[in-house]
Amino acid sequence: KRSRFRQVSNTISIFSALFLVCNIPVFVEYSIRVLSYYIPSFNNKVGSVIYVRLAGYGELLLTYLPVILNAALNPCLYMLRMP
């Protein structure tokens, strides 16, 4: 019983870590968008530098790729972790 509980705890930890790794870039990017919209001085310092580097497809990749990657890896992890 104790080993089963440990396996479930490890599985939950792995899924949580994967979620954080895949979604923190999206949260940071959206936070910068909101801050640069409401605080004009923030837009001049940080927002313009980030958007120059992410022009074109970079912004799409940063916004959608991590979320899609998380959704694609979750079933694989379920398959590997379930007995």
C-alpha atoms as a PDB file:
ATOM      1  CA  LYS A   1       0.000   0.000   0.000  1.00  0.00           C
ATOM      2  CA  ARG A   2       2.815   2.393   0.866  1.00  0.00           C
ATOM      3  CA  SER A   3       4.634   1.804  -2.443  1.00  0.00           C
ATOM      4  CA  ARG A   4       1.427   2.493  -4.373  1.00  0.00           C
ATOM      5  CA  PHE A   5       0.998   5.778  -2.498  1.00  0.00           C
ATOM      6  CA  ARG A   6       4.601   6.678  -3.290  1.00  0.00           C
ATOM      7  CA  GLN A   7       4.115   5.905  -6.997  1.00  0.00           C
ATOM      8  CA  VAL A   8       0.986   8.083  -7.123  1.00  0.00           C
ATOM      9  CA  SER A   9       2.822  10.912  -5.351  1.00  0.00           C
ATOM     10  CA  ASN A  10       5.694  10.697  -7.819  1.00  0.00           C
ATOM     11  CA  THR A  11       3.288  10.729 -10.748  1.00  0.00           C
ATOM     12  CA  ILE A  12       1.520  13.827  -9.439  1.00  0.00           C
ATOM     13  CA  SER A  13       4.882  15.516  -8.910  1.00  0.00           C
ATOM     14  CA  ILE A  14       5.995  14.720 -12.456  1.00  0.00           C
ATOM     15  CA  PHE A  15       2.761  16.072 -13.953  1.00  0.00           C
ATOM     16  CA  SER A  16       2.976  19.237 -11.855  1.00  0.00           C
ATOM     17  CA  ALA A  17       6.594  19.825 -12.838  1.00  0.00           C
ATOM     18  CA  LEU A  18       5.781  19.293 -16.515  1.00  0.00           C
ATOM     19  CA  PHE A  19       2.877  21.731 -16.275  1.00  0.00           C
ATOM     20  CA  LEU A  20       5.081  24.387 -14.678  1.00  0.00           C
ATOM     21  CA  VAL A  21       7.941  23.931 -17.128  1.00  0.00           C
ATOM     22  CA  CYS A  22       5.613  24.160 -20.109  1.00  0.00           C
ATOM     23  CA  ASN A  23       3.441  27.037 -18.905  1.00  0.00           C
ATOM     24  CA  ILE A  24       5.718  29.423 -16.988  1.00  0.00           C
ATOM     25  CA  PRO A  25       7.012  31.041 -20.233  1.00  0.00           C
ATOM     26  CA  VAL A  26       3.417  31.704 -21.264  1.00  0.00           C
ATOM     27  CA  PHE A  27       2.528  33.202 -17.875  1.00  0.00           C
ATOM     28  CA  VAL A  28       5.606  35.437 -17.935  1.00  0.00           C
ATOM     29  CA  GLU A  29       4.904  36.606 -21.476  1.00  0.00           C
ATOM     30  CA  TYR A  30       1.280  37.459 -20.683  1.00  0.00           C
ATOM     31  CA  SER A  31       2.341  39.237 -17.480  1.00  0.00           C
ATOM     32  CA  ILE A  32       4.744  41.372 -19.480  1.00  0.00           C
ATOM     33  CA  ARG A  33       1.963  42.181 -21.948  1.00  0.00           C
ATOM     34  CA  VAL A  34      -0.372  43.280 -19.162  1.00  0.00           C
ATOM     35  CA  LEU A  35       2.301  45.321 -17.390  1.00  0.00           C
ATOM     36  CA  SER A  36       3.397  47.013 -20.580  1.00  0.00           C
ATOM     37  CA  TYR A  37      -0.232  47.896 -21.368  1.00  0.00           C
ATOM     38  CA  TYR A  38      -0.992  49.480 -17.986  1.00  0.00           C
ATOM     39  CA  ILE A  39       2.436  50.917 -17.127  1.00  0.00           C
ATOM     40  CA  PRO A  40       3.869  52.970 -20.016  1.00  0.00           C
ATOM     41  CA  SER A  41       7.365  53.196 -18.522  1.00  0.00           C
ATOM     42  CA  PHE A  42       7.503  49.402 -18.287  1.00  0.00           C
ATOM     43  CA  ASN A  43       6.653  49.161 -21.967  1.00  0.00           C
ATOM     44  CA  ASN A  44       9.604  51.362 -22.884  1.00  0.00           C
ATOM     45  CA  LYS A  45      12.094  49.363 -20.824  1.00  0.00           C
ATOM     46  CA  VAL A  46      11.151  45.706 -21.070  1.00  0.00           C
ATOM     47  CA  GLY A  47       8.231  45.302 -23.437  1.00  0.00           C
ATOM     48  CA  SER A  48       9.873  46.735 -26.526  1.00  0.00           C
ATOM     49  CA  VAL A  49      13.024  44.635 -26.067  1.00  0.00           C
ATOM     50  CA  ILE A  50      11.025  41.426 -25.788  1.00  0.00           C
ATOM     51  CA  TYR A  51       8.749  42.159 -28.735  1.00  0.00           C
ATOM     52  CA  VAL A  52      11.661  43.040 -31.003  1.00  0.00           C
ATOM     53  CA  ARG A  53      13.198  39.647 -30.269  1.00  0.00           C
ATOM     54  CA  LEU A  54       9.909  37.789 -30.624  1.00  0.00           C
ATOM     55  CA  ALA A  55       8.788  39.381 -33.855  1.00  0.00           C
ATOM     56  CA  GLY A  56       6.895  37.091 -36.184  1.00  0.00           C
ATOM     57  CA  TYR A  57       6.760  33.409 -35.364  1.00  0.00           C
ATOM     58  CA  GLY A  58       8.685  33.680 -32.117  1.00  0.00           C
ATOM     59  CA  GLU A  59       5.682  35.110 -30.342  1.00  0.00           C
ATOM     60  CA  LEU A  60       3.446  32.320 -31.633  1.00  0.00           C
ATOM     61  CA  LEU A  61       5.961  29.676 -30.608  1.00  0.00           C
ATOM     62  CA  LEU A  62       6.294  31.127 -27.115  1.00  0.00           C
ATOM     63  CA  THR A  63       2.542  31.422 -26.683  1.00  0.00           C
ATOM     64  CA  TYR A  64       1.227  28.153 -28.142  1.00  0.00           C
ATOM     65  CA  LEU A  65       4.035  25.613 -28.406  1.00  0.00           C
ATOM     66  CA  PRO A  66       4.553  25.010 -24.661  1.00  0.00           C
ATOM     67  CA  VAL A  67       0.834  24.497 -24.080  1.00  0.00           C
ATOM     68  CA  ILE A  68       0.556  22.098 -27.015  1.00  0.00           C
ATOM     69  CA  LEU A  69       3.689  20.286 -25.861  1.00  0.00           C
ATOM     70  CA  ASN A  70       2.178  19.832 -22.403  1.00  0.00           C
ATOM     71  CA  ALA A  71      -1.039  18.475 -23.896  1.00  0.00           C
ATOM     72  CA  ALA A  72       0.931  16.065 -26.088  1.00  0.00           C
ATOM     73  CA  LEU A  73       3.182  14.798 -23.296  1.00  0.00           C
ATOM     74  CA  ASN A  74       0.438  14.184 -20.726  1.00  0.00           C
ATOM     75  CA  PRO A  75      -0.981  11.044 -22.430  1.00  0.00           C
ATOM     76  CA  CYS A  76       2.544   9.706 -22.892  1.00  0.00           C
ATOM     77  CA  LEU A  77       3.248  10.130 -19.200  1.00  0.00           C
ATOM     78  CA  TYR A  78      -0.046   8.488 -18.305  1.00  0.00           C
ATOM     79  CA  MET A  79       0.885   5.512 -20.457  1.00  0.00           C
ATOM     80  CA  LEU A  80       4.329   5.220 -18.876  1.00  0.00           C
ATOM     81  CA  ARG A  81       3.235   5.720 -15.268  1.00  0.00           C
ATOM     82  CA  MET A  82       0.144   3.515 -15.112  1.00  0.00           C
ATOM     83  CA  PRO A  83       0.746  -0.145 -14.214  1.00  0.00           C
END
